[in-house]
Amino acid sequence: MIIEFLGTGTSHGIPVVGCTCPVCKSWDTRDQRYRASLYIQGEAGGALVIDTGPEFRLQAIRAKIQHLDAIFLTHAHADHLHGLDDVRPLSCHSPLPVYGNCPTIHEMKERFSYVFRETQAGGGKPQLIPTIVAIDMEHHEGTYSQEVQHPIVVGSLSITPLPVLHGRLPIMGWLIEEKASRMAYLTDVSAIPQETMALLTGLDILIIGALRKRPYPTHFSFDEALEVIRTVKPKKAFLTHLCHDFSHRAICRYITKQGFSLDRVAPAYDGLRCKL
């Protein structure tokens, strides 16, 4: 399994429009953060992306993405969804399933209604199959999408939803497995239910959102994310969904001051690739 961080920034991206802080003016390319997204390729087949933020076109070009088999959404906030139209070239030969919980799929269909409107034909829209991932047989209204149980198989990858909270909003993290390799992606998280914590044991990689050092009601702080890492003990952990309070180097210094080796815990950065 190969993973690539397409974006590691928070909702405004970095540099922030109109900001002249040291991080936004930094020459270190690791401080230039597109909105959070992850690309995953299976060793024996299967390619997926988690979230399609506003820079998805630029991210896909930089990562040289030529094929996708599926899209997985954590939630429907703009910084995780609004690049969805840019999957058009990757869906023209075969429609792409888009997986998410019921509120996410419903909101996606509202915001991108032209995609699912029968009167809009031709190549001017992506070809998508909205698919609800059933969590404890959650109820929903309407028959506007398919519903699947989990795990979901994409090529040689097996994907299991990880329910978490983003403030009061129920959203999804995702557990991705291939043979004995296990990784989890939890962004925009402020609380993790015990049922989800139980699925985070034995991870090779944990990717977890850590907005900044100061507390925030809808995101883990550095310390809260590091406490989860201490608890579940992944072999390697990366912090993502970072704001402009700290540079990459400053986050590294903070992590080491908390007693972690950078070989075990590190801030992610755009373009970082890892092989499991």
Protein backbone atom coordinates (compact mmCIF):
# COMPACT_ATOMS: atom_id res chain seq x y z
CA MET A 1 0.00 0.00 0.00
CA ILE A 2 1.26 3.46 -0.94
CA ILE A 3 -0.22 6.61 0.58
CA GLU A 4 0.36 10.20 -0.47
CA PHE A 5 -0.73 13.29 1.41
CA LEU A 6 -2.46 15.47 -1.17
CA GLY A 7 -3.13 18.17 1.42
CA THR A 8 -2.44 18.65 5.13
CA GLY A 9 -3.94 22.07 5.87
CA THR A 10 -7.03 23.26 7.67
CA SER A 11 -10.09 24.82 6.06
CA HIS A 12 -8.44 28.07 4.88
CA GLY A 13 -5.27 26.41 3.53
CA ILE A 14 -1.80 27.88 4.00
CA PRO A 15 -0.82 30.53 3.12
CA VAL A 16 -4.05 32.08 4.35
CA VAL A 17 -5.55 34.76 2.13
CA GLY A 18 -4.44 38.16 3.39
CA CYS A 19 -2.19 36.80 6.15
CA THR A 20 1.41 37.93 6.59
CA CYS A 21 2.37 35.73 9.56
CA PRO A 22 5.78 33.97 9.47
CA VAL A 23 4.24 30.61 8.54
CA CYS A 24 2.20 32.06 5.68
CA LYS A 25 5.32 33.84 4.37
CA SER A 26 7.60 30.81 4.94
CA TRP A 27 9.94 29.64 2.18
CA ASP A 28 9.77 26.06 3.56
CA THR A 29 7.52 24.20 1.10
CA ARG A 30 6.32 21.97 3.98
CA ASP A 31 4.49 25.04 5.32
CA GLN A 32 2.44 25.38 2.12
CA ARG A 33 -0.60 23.27 2.88
CA TYR A 34 -3.52 22.53 0.60
CA ARG A 35 -6.80 21.40 2.16
CA ALA A 36 -6.63 17.93 3.76
CA SER A 37 -6.86 14.91 1.46
CA LEU A 38 -5.19 11.51 1.07
CA TYR A 39 -4.48 9.29 -1.97
CA ILE A 40 -4.04 5.53 -1.50
CA GLN A 41 -2.89 2.85 -3.95
CA GLY A 42 -3.14 -0.85 -3.25
CA GLU A 43 -0.09 -2.98 -3.94
CA ALA A 44 -2.22 -5.47 -5.85
CA GLY A 45 -4.70 -2.99 -7.33
CA GLY A 46 -7.17 -0.35 -6.28
CA ALA A 47 -6.79 3.42 -6.00
CA LEU A 48 -8.88 5.76 -3.88
CA VAL A 49 -8.92 9.26 -2.52
CA ILE A 50 -10.23 10.40 0.84
CA ASP A 51 -11.93 13.80 0.43
CA THR A 52 -11.90 16.09 -2.59
CA GLY A 53 -11.10 19.57 -1.34
CA PRO A 54 -10.99 22.81 -3.36
CA GLU A 55 -7.46 22.14 -4.68
CA PHE A 56 -8.16 18.58 -5.85
CA ARG A 57 -7.27 19.36 -9.48
CA LEU A 58 -3.87 20.75 -8.48
CA GLN A 59 -3.30 17.93 -6.01
CA ALA A 60 -4.11 15.27 -8.58
CA ILE A 61 -1.79 16.83 -11.17
CA ARG A 62 1.05 17.07 -8.66
CA ALA A 63 0.54 13.44 -7.56
CA LYS A 64 0.20 12.30 -11.20
CA ILE A 65 -3.10 10.55 -10.47
CA GLN A 66 -4.27 8.82 -13.63
CA HIS A 67 -6.88 6.47 -12.25
CA LEU A 68 -9.35 6.25 -9.38
CA ASP A 69 -11.63 3.43 -8.31
CA ALA A 70 -13.51 5.18 -5.50
CA ILE A 71 -13.90 8.32 -3.40
CA PHE A 72 -14.37 8.21 0.36
CA LEU A 73 -15.69 11.28 2.17
CA THR A 74 -15.17 12.12 5.83
CA HIS A 75 -17.90 14.79 5.79
CA ALA A 76 -19.39 17.46 3.56
CA HIS A 77 -17.68 20.65 4.73
CA ALA A 78 -16.38 22.75 1.84
CA ASP A 79 -12.70 22.07 2.48
CA HIS A 80 -13.32 18.33 2.12
CA LEU A 81 -15.82 18.28 -0.74
CA HIS A 82 -15.74 21.27 -3.07
CA GLY A 83 -13.23 19.86 -5.55
CA LEU A 84 -15.57 17.00 -6.41
CA ASP A 85 -16.29 18.27 -9.91
CA ASP A 86 -12.60 17.91 -10.78
CA VAL A 87 -12.82 14.10 -10.76
CA ARG A 88 -14.54 14.41 -14.18
CA PRO A 89 -11.52 13.20 -16.20
CA LEU A 90 -11.14 10.25 -13.83
CA SER A 91 -14.77 9.17 -14.11
CA CYS A 92 -15.45 9.54 -17.84
CA HIS A 93 -14.83 5.85 -18.61
CA SER A 94 -16.36 4.35 -15.49
CA PRO A 95 -18.56 5.98 -12.82
CA LEU A 96 -16.90 6.42 -9.44
CA PRO A 97 -18.63 5.28 -6.26
CA VAL A 98 -18.61 7.97 -3.57
CA TYR A 99 -18.87 6.58 -0.04
CA GLY A 100 -19.96 8.45 3.06
CA ASN A 101 -22.47 8.44 5.89
CA CYS A 102 -26.07 9.42 5.25
CA PRO A 103 -25.79 13.18 6.04
CA THR A 104 -22.65 13.50 3.91
CA ILE A 105 -24.12 11.82 0.85
CA HIS A 106 -27.35 13.78 1.18
CA GLU A 107 -25.50 17.10 1.43
CA MET A 108 -23.19 16.19 -1.46
CA LYS A 109 -26.24 15.59 -3.66
CA GLU A 110 -27.70 18.95 -2.66
CA ARG A 111 -24.50 20.94 -3.32
CA PHE A 112 -23.74 19.16 -6.60
CA SER A 113 -27.33 18.69 -7.71
CA TYR A 114 -26.48 19.23 -11.39
CA VAL A 115 -24.38 16.03 -11.31
CA PHE A 116 -27.44 13.93 -10.51
CA ARG A 117 -30.00 15.86 -12.55
CA GLU A 118 -31.13 13.82 -15.56
CA THR A 119 -31.54 16.95 -17.69
CA GLN A 120 -27.78 17.62 -17.55
CA ALA A 121 -26.11 15.31 -20.04
CA GLY A 122 -22.75 15.07 -21.71
CA GLY A 123 -19.21 15.39 -20.42
CA GLY A 124 -19.77 18.50 -18.32
CA LYS A 125 -20.18 16.65 -15.05
CA PRO A 126 -18.50 13.83 -13.17
CA GLN A 127 -20.03 10.36 -13.29
CA LEU A 128 -20.67 9.39 -9.66
CA ILE A 129 -22.48 6.67 -7.74
CA PRO A 130 -23.47 8.08 -4.32
CA THR A 131 -23.29 5.27 -1.79
CA ILE A 132 -24.26 5.36 1.86
CA VAL A 133 -22.13 3.29 4.19
CA ALA A 134 -24.51 1.69 6.67
CA ILE A 135 -23.49 2.20 10.29
CA ASP A 136 -25.59 0.08 12.65
CA MET A 137 -28.30 0.10 9.99
CA GLU A 138 -28.68 3.88 10.29
CA HIS A 139 -31.99 5.10 8.95
CA HIS A 140 -32.30 7.63 6.18
CA GLU A 141 -35.03 9.05 4.00
CA GLY A 142 -35.36 8.56 0.28
CA THR A 143 -33.93 6.10 -2.21
CA TYR A 144 -31.46 8.44 -3.86
CA SER A 145 -28.41 6.25 -3.39
CA GLN A 146 -27.19 2.75 -2.90
CA GLU A 147 -26.38 1.47 0.56
CA VAL A 148 -23.56 -0.91 1.41
CA GLN A 149 -22.39 -2.76 4.45
CA HIS A 150 -18.71 -2.76 5.35
CA PRO A 151 -15.88 -3.48 4.92
CA ILE A 152 -15.79 -2.13 1.37
CA VAL A 153 -13.37 -3.76 -1.06
CA VAL A 154 -11.52 -1.63 -3.60
CA GLY A 155 -9.01 -3.75 -5.50
CA SER A 156 -6.78 -5.29 -2.84
CA LEU A 157 -7.81 -2.69 -0.24
CA SER A 158 -10.39 -3.26 2.47
CA ILE A 159 -12.00 -0.12 3.92
CA THR A 160 -13.97 0.10 7.16
CA PRO A 161 -15.74 3.27 8.39
CA LEU A 162 -14.64 4.74 11.72
CA PRO A 163 -17.40 6.89 13.25
CA VAL A 164 -16.01 9.95 15.08
CA LEU A 165 -17.26 13.37 16.12
CA HIS A 166 -16.37 16.75 14.62
CA GLY A 167 -17.80 18.92 17.38
CA ARG A 168 -21.41 17.70 17.48
CA LEU A 169 -21.34 16.49 13.87
CA PRO A 170 -21.03 12.71 13.31
CA ILE A 171 -18.43 12.18 10.60
CA MET A 172 -16.28 9.35 9.25
CA GLY A 173 -12.71 8.30 9.63
CA TRP A 174 -11.54 5.37 7.57
CA LEU A 175 -9.56 2.20 8.32
CA ILE A 176 -7.69 0.88 5.27
CA GLU A 177 -6.19 -2.61 5.26
CA GLU A 178 -4.20 -4.62 2.76
CA LYS A 179 -3.01 -8.06 3.83
CA ALA A 180 -1.33 -7.46 7.21
CA SER A 181 -0.96 -3.69 6.74
CA ARG A 182 -3.37 -1.42 8.65
CA MET A 183 -3.70 2.35 8.58
CA ALA A 184 -6.35 4.76 9.83
CA TYR A 185 -7.24 8.27 8.72
CA LEU A 186 -9.00 10.52 11.24
CA THR A 187 -9.24 14.16 10.29
CA ASP A 188 -11.46 16.93 11.75
CA VAL A 189 -11.96 14.84 14.87
CA SER A 190 -12.74 16.18 18.35
CA ALA A 191 -13.90 12.97 20.04
CA ILE A 192 -13.47 9.26 19.33
CA PRO A 193 -16.10 6.77 20.57
CA GLN A 194 -14.84 3.70 22.40
CA GLU A 195 -16.11 1.46 19.60
CA THR A 196 -13.83 3.28 17.18
CA MET A 197 -10.89 3.33 19.61
CA ALA A 198 -11.12 -0.46 19.75
CA LEU A 199 -10.50 -0.62 15.98
CA LEU A 200 -7.32 1.47 16.23
CA THR A 201 -5.15 -1.21 17.80
CA GLY A 202 -2.28 -2.73 15.84
CA LEU A 203 -2.00 0.11 13.33
CA ASP A 204 1.05 0.54 11.14
CA ILE A 205 0.11 4.18 10.53
CA LEU A 206 -2.33 6.51 12.24
CA ILE A 207 -3.06 9.84 10.53
CA ILE A 208 -4.87 12.17 12.89
CA GLY A 209 -6.02 15.77 12.75
CA ALA A 210 -4.26 18.17 15.14
CA LEU A 211 -5.26 21.73 14.36
CA ARG A 212 -2.94 23.66 16.69
CA LYS A 213 -1.65 23.82 20.27
CA ARG A 214 -4.55 25.93 21.58
CA PRO A 215 -7.80 24.03 22.27
CA TYR A 216 -10.59 24.26 19.71
CA PRO A 217 -14.16 22.93 20.09
CA THR A 218 -14.35 20.92 16.86
CA HIS A 219 -10.77 19.71 16.38
CA PHE A 220 -8.14 17.95 18.44
CA SER A 221 -5.28 20.09 19.64
CA PHE A 222 -1.70 18.83 19.41
CA ASP A 223 -1.88 17.48 22.97
CA GLU A 224 -5.21 15.73 22.44
CA ALA A 225 -3.98 14.03 19.26
CA LEU A 226 -0.75 12.99 20.96
CA GLU A 227 -2.76 11.47 23.82
CA VAL A 228 -4.66 9.30 21.33
CA ILE A 229 -1.31 8.24 19.86
CA ARG A 230 -0.05 7.33 23.34
CA THR A 231 -3.18 5.25 23.91
CA VAL A 232 -3.41 3.27 20.65
CA LYS A 233 0.38 3.01 20.07
CA PRO A 234 0.62 2.90 16.26
CA LYS A 235 4.00 2.09 14.77
CA LYS A 236 3.97 5.51 13.08
CA ALA A 237 1.71 8.53 13.39
CA PHE A 238 1.29 11.71 11.36
CA LEU A 239 -0.47 14.92 12.34
CA THR A 240 -2.57 16.56 9.64
CA HIS A 241 -5.22 19.29 9.16
CA LEU A 242 -2.74 21.84 10.51
CA CYS A 243 -3.33 25.58 10.79
CA HIS A 244 -0.79 28.41 10.47
CA ASP A 245 0.00 28.82 14.18
CA PHE A 246 3.11 26.61 13.88
CA SER A 247 5.59 25.95 11.09
CA HIS A 248 6.56 22.39 10.19
CA ARG A 249 9.84 22.75 12.07
CA ALA A 250 8.12 24.22 15.13
CA ILE A 251 5.65 21.31 15.23
CA CYS A 252 8.59 18.90 15.09
CA ARG A 253 10.18 20.67 18.07
CA TYR A 254 6.90 20.54 20.00
CA ILE A 255 6.51 16.81 19.35
CA THR A 256 10.01 16.02 20.59
CA LYS A 257 9.44 18.11 23.74
CA GLN A 258 6.48 15.84 24.51
CA GLY A 259 8.80 12.84 24.55
CA PHE A 260 8.15 11.42 21.09
CA SER A 261 10.76 10.50 18.51
CA LEU A 262 10.17 12.03 15.08
CA ASP A 263 10.71 8.53 13.70
CA ARG A 264 7.46 7.62 15.42
CA VAL A 265 5.37 10.82 15.36
CA ALA A 266 5.74 13.66 12.86
CA PRO A 267 3.73 16.38 11.15
CA ALA A 268 2.66 15.40 7.65
CA TYR A 269 3.26 17.71 4.71
CA ASP A 270 1.85 17.98 1.21
CA GLY A 271 3.40 15.49 -1.19
CA LEU A 272 4.71 13.16 1.52
CA ARG A 273 4.59 9.52 0.35
CA CYS A 274 4.76 6.43 2.53
CA LYS A 275 4.82 2.74 1.69
CA LEU A 276 3.38 0.11 4.01
